[in-house]
Structures are given as structure tokens and as C-alpha cells.
Protein backbone atom coordinates (compact mmCIF):
# COMPACT_ATOMS: atom_id res chain seq x y z
CA MET A 1 -3.86 9.47 29.37
CA ARG A 2 -7.47 10.05 28.40
CA MET A 3 -9.35 7.00 27.14
CA HIS A 4 -12.79 6.33 25.67
CA LEU A 5 -14.26 3.15 27.14
CA SER A 6 -17.28 1.09 26.08
CA VAL A 7 -18.32 -1.99 28.06
CA ALA A 8 -20.55 -4.86 26.95
CA GLU A 9 -23.74 -5.42 28.90
CA GLY A 10 -23.94 -8.52 31.05
CA PRO A 11 -21.94 -10.28 33.77
CA GLY A 12 -18.80 -10.96 31.73
CA PRO A 13 -15.92 -11.35 31.78
CA PHE A 14 -15.59 -10.18 28.19
CA PRO A 15 -12.64 -10.11 25.80
CA GLY A 16 -10.87 -6.76 25.73
CA MET A 17 -9.97 -4.70 22.68
CA VAL A 18 -7.57 -1.80 22.35
CA VAL A 19 -8.95 0.54 19.67
CA VAL A 20 -6.26 2.71 18.09
CA GLN A 21 -7.29 6.08 16.69
CA HIS A 22 -6.88 7.45 13.21
CA GLN A 23 -5.00 10.74 12.77
CA TRP A 24 -8.06 12.81 13.69
CA GLY A 25 -7.96 11.47 17.24
CA VAL A 26 -10.57 9.75 19.36
CA ASP A 27 -13.43 11.48 17.58
CA GLU A 28 -17.04 10.56 16.79
CA PHE A 29 -16.02 7.75 14.46
CA MET A 30 -13.59 6.16 16.90
CA GLN A 31 -16.12 6.40 19.71
CA SER A 32 -18.68 4.70 17.46
CA ILE A 33 -16.24 1.83 16.92
CA THR A 34 -15.81 1.26 20.66
CA ALA A 35 -19.61 1.30 21.02
CA ARG A 36 -20.04 -1.25 18.21
CA LEU A 37 -17.45 -3.51 19.79
CA ALA A 38 -19.25 -3.30 23.13
CA GLN A 39 -22.49 -4.28 21.40
CA ALA A 40 -20.63 -7.28 19.98
CA GLY A 41 -19.55 -8.39 23.45
CA TYR A 42 -16.22 -6.67 24.06
CA VAL A 43 -14.77 -4.16 26.48
CA ALA A 44 -13.21 -1.62 24.12
CA ALA A 45 -10.74 1.09 25.14
CA ALA A 46 -9.55 3.83 22.77
CA PRO A 47 -6.54 5.69 24.23
CA ASP A 48 -5.90 9.29 23.22
CA LEU A 49 -2.44 9.09 21.67
CA TYR A 50 -2.32 12.89 21.57
CA HIS A 51 -2.63 13.18 25.35
CA ARG A 52 0.83 14.69 25.72
CA ASP A 53 -0.39 17.80 23.87
CA GLY A 54 -2.90 18.62 26.58
CA PRO A 55 -6.62 19.39 26.15
CA GLU A 56 -6.03 23.00 25.09
CA CYS A 57 -3.87 22.14 22.07
CA THR A 58 -5.19 23.66 18.82
CA ASP A 59 -2.50 22.35 16.44
CA ASP A 60 -3.69 20.56 13.33
CA VAL A 61 -3.63 16.76 13.15
CA ILE A 62 -0.52 16.68 10.95
CA ALA A 63 1.49 18.54 13.58
CA ARG A 64 0.11 16.40 16.39
CA ARG A 65 0.83 13.15 14.58
CA SER A 66 4.35 14.29 13.76
CA ARG A 67 5.13 14.51 17.48
CA LEU A 68 4.38 10.82 18.02
CA SER A 69 7.13 8.24 18.04
CA ASP A 70 6.90 4.46 17.95
CA ARG A 71 8.37 4.25 21.42
CA LYS A 72 5.72 6.61 22.84
CA VAL A 73 2.94 4.74 21.07
CA ILE A 74 4.16 1.35 22.27
CA ASN A 75 4.23 2.67 25.85
CA ASP A 76 0.69 4.05 25.49
CA VAL A 77 -0.67 0.76 24.17
CA HIS A 78 1.04 -1.17 26.97
CA ALA A 79 -0.63 1.22 29.44
CA SER A 80 -3.98 0.56 27.76
CA VAL A 81 -3.47 -3.20 28.12
CA LYS A 82 -2.63 -2.74 31.79
CA PHE A 83 -5.81 -0.71 32.23
CA LEU A 84 -7.98 -3.34 30.50
CA ARG A 85 -6.50 -6.12 32.59
CA SER A 86 -7.36 -4.18 35.74
CA GLN A 87 -11.05 -4.14 34.85
CA PRO A 88 -13.17 -6.89 36.46
CA ALA A 89 -15.33 -7.09 33.32
CA VAL A 90 -12.33 -8.08 31.16
CA ASP A 91 -10.97 -11.56 30.53
CA GLU A 92 -7.28 -10.68 30.62
CA ASN A 93 -6.38 -13.76 28.57
CA ARG A 94 -8.47 -12.64 25.58
CA LEU A 95 -7.15 -9.33 24.30
CA GLY A 96 -7.02 -7.96 20.78
CA ILE A 97 -6.11 -4.73 19.03
CA ILE A 98 -7.81 -2.92 16.16
CA GLY A 99 -6.73 0.27 14.41
CA PHE A 100 -7.64 2.57 11.55
CA CYS A 101 -5.33 4.58 9.29
CA MET A 102 -2.35 5.43 11.49
CA GLY A 103 -4.04 3.22 14.10
CA GLY A 104 -3.89 0.32 11.67
CA ARG A 105 -0.17 0.92 11.43
CA VAL A 106 0.03 0.87 15.24
CA ALA A 107 -1.98 -2.37 15.40
CA TYR A 108 0.48 -3.99 12.98
CA LEU A 109 3.39 -2.66 15.03
CA MET A 110 1.93 -3.92 18.31
CA ALA A 111 1.36 -7.40 16.87
CA ALA A 112 5.17 -7.52 16.85
CA ALA A 113 6.02 -5.33 19.84
CA SER A 114 3.70 -7.06 22.32
CA THR A 115 2.83 -10.63 23.25
CA ASP A 116 -0.42 -9.53 24.91
CA PHE A 117 -2.71 -9.82 21.90
CA LYS A 118 -4.45 -12.86 20.43
CA ALA A 119 -5.30 -11.00 17.21
CA ALA A 120 -4.65 -7.70 15.43
CA VAL A 121 -7.12 -6.11 13.00
CA VAL A 122 -5.63 -3.58 10.62
CA PHE A 123 -7.75 -1.13 8.61
CA TYR A 124 -5.97 0.72 5.76
CA ALA A 125 -2.69 1.02 7.64
CA GLY A 126 -0.72 3.83 6.02
CA ASN A 127 3.04 4.38 6.36
CA THR A 128 3.69 0.86 7.63
CA PHE A 129 7.06 0.88 5.91
CA ARG A 130 8.27 3.98 7.76
CA ALA A 131 9.52 4.23 11.34
CA TRP A 132 8.33 6.98 13.66
CA GLY A 133 11.59 8.03 15.27
CA ARG A 134 15.12 6.80 14.74
CA ASP A 135 15.57 4.26 17.53
CA LEU A 136 13.20 1.48 16.35
CA PRO A 137 12.60 -0.26 13.00
CA SER A 138 9.41 0.24 11.01
CA PRO A 139 6.39 -2.01 11.61
CA PHE A 140 7.07 -3.75 8.29
CA GLU A 141 10.64 -4.47 9.34
CA ARG A 142 9.32 -6.15 12.50
CA THR A 143 7.05 -8.61 10.67
CA SER A 144 9.18 -11.58 11.73
CA GLU A 145 8.43 -10.70 15.38
CA ILE A 146 4.62 -10.85 15.02
CA HIS A 147 3.07 -13.06 17.70
CA CYS A 148 -0.61 -13.18 16.73
CA ALA A 149 -2.98 -13.58 13.81
CA VAL A 150 -3.40 -10.47 11.64
CA GLN A 151 -6.52 -9.50 9.69
CA GLY A 152 -6.19 -6.67 7.18
CA HIS A 153 -8.82 -4.54 5.38
CA PHE A 154 -7.83 -2.41 2.39
CA GLY A 155 -9.47 -0.15 -0.18
CA ALA A 156 -8.71 -0.96 -3.79
CA ASP A 157 -8.70 2.78 -4.59
CA ASP A 158 -6.41 3.69 -1.68
CA GLN A 159 -2.90 5.02 -2.30
CA ASN A 160 -1.55 4.75 1.26
CA PRO A 161 -1.60 1.82 1.62
CA SER A 162 -1.86 1.09 -2.08
CA PRO A 163 -2.80 -2.31 -3.52
CA ASP A 164 0.93 -2.85 -4.09
CA ASP A 165 1.57 -2.08 -0.42
CA MET A 166 -1.05 -4.65 0.54
CA ARG A 167 0.63 -7.28 -1.61
CA LYS A 168 4.02 -6.45 -0.12
CA LEU A 169 2.64 -6.90 3.41
CA ASP A 170 0.95 -10.14 2.37
CA LEU A 171 4.19 -11.53 0.93
CA GLU A 172 6.18 -10.54 4.02
CA LEU A 173 3.71 -12.19 6.40
CA THR A 174 3.69 -15.29 4.22
CA LYS A 175 7.49 -15.30 4.11
CA PHE A 176 7.63 -15.55 7.90
CA ASP A 177 4.69 -17.98 8.09
CA LYS A 178 2.52 -15.55 10.03
CA LYS A 179 -1.18 -16.37 10.17
CA HIS A 180 -3.13 -13.66 8.37
CA GLU A 181 -6.05 -12.90 6.09
CA PHE A 182 -6.45 -9.82 3.93
CA TYR A 183 -9.56 -8.31 2.36
CA SER A 184 -9.59 -5.76 -0.46
CA TYR A 185 -12.75 -3.80 -1.25
CA PRO A 186 -13.45 -2.51 -4.76
CA ASP A 187 -14.45 1.15 -5.16
CA ALA A 188 -13.16 1.91 -1.66
CA ALA A 189 -10.64 4.65 -0.94
CA HIS A 190 -8.71 5.51 2.22
CA ALA A 191 -10.77 5.80 5.43
CA PHE A 192 -13.66 3.95 3.78
CA MET A 193 -15.03 2.93 7.19
CA ASP A 194 -15.37 6.48 8.52
CA HIS A 195 -19.03 7.49 8.10
CA THR A 196 -18.23 11.07 9.16
CA ARG A 197 -16.05 11.81 6.11
CA GLU A 198 -16.51 12.21 2.37
CA SER A 199 -14.38 9.14 1.73
CA TYR A 200 -17.14 6.93 3.17
CA ARG A 201 -18.90 4.90 0.52
CA ARG A 202 -22.01 3.10 1.70
CA ASN A 203 -22.56 -0.40 0.33
CA ASP A 204 -26.21 -1.38 0.59
CA GLN A 205 -25.46 -4.81 -0.86
CA GLY A 206 -23.66 -5.86 2.35
């Protein structure tokens, strides 16, 4: 499995972060996120969840995403954790996960499917209420299993997840007494963090 890795400067050990791609793959934006995390003092690893397609695959992102299943994704994230823990620069007891778009969905899923993470950061996680495959429940349906704190970031103009979806997730996490904090940004649509796309809306007011 290919992986983009960024390592903080200094002696370490540093906390490790699994960075989960959006549907466009481990592209310029995702690589910039790993670099920003390294600048902030992390070792950040972004696994290529499309690795089973091979480097010569020319299918569009919809077709590639449709071939993923929750079981495959869970296995890939577990492999990424194993890799991070093998790195001498990583403090294996301080691991987190962050994801964007479909990666946000995966981060929410892994907060339930794994006990490895101290925190999960979820950016505009679409399709959280839908399972990928037939053998496992959806991330939303696994909320009661969540083991770590969850931080969520949502666009008020987004439709997947919509503001109603955000409220539904908030209520479910509260129902099961899961530690979480959600942020909603006005005049922000889906993929508002991705500076390489038209959906990006710069806020010069901080």
C-alpha cells in the first residue's frame, strides 16, 4: 500500500496521525495536510486507499470509491497504524486520525472500529449513515462503540453532510455520552478546506 509520509523536524518522538484521503485520492491537497501536520509536530501518514487498483488505473474517482468496502478500509487503516508504530520518530501511545469527505466518514468509522486512537477529527464526512458493503453496519450505527474524542467540522452550505446530518450525529454522540465537539462554518460548502478546488472559500478574517 502506497503512503505519503511527512515527519516533524526534531528528535521526537512525536504523536502520529493517520490522514484519510478524500475521494480524489492522496492528491496535492492531502499531501499539503500531511505537511501541515508535520509542521505542527506530528508524524502524518496518508495511505492510498485506492492501492488495490494499481498505479496504471485510469477509472474515475466514483468508480474507484465504489470498489471500497468498510472491511477493506478498516484493514488499511490498521496497517497504517502498524506502520506508524514501527517508526522510531513516533510515540505509539499518542495516535490520532483525521479525514476529509469520505475520509471524514472513515475517521468516524475508525473511532468505533479501533481502540488505537486518542482522537478523531472529521471534516465534512459524507455518507456516514450508509455502510460500504453488506457485512458491517454504517459508521453512524457504530456510534455506541466509539472509543475516543471526536471533533467535527461542517459547512453550513453543505448537503452531504447537511446541517441536519450534523445535528443527527451530534444527538447520537450525546445519546451515548461520547466526548465530542462540532463546528459549523457559515458560507462554507462541501470540501471547504480544499484550496485546489472551486469549493474553497478563503476567510481572511481568520
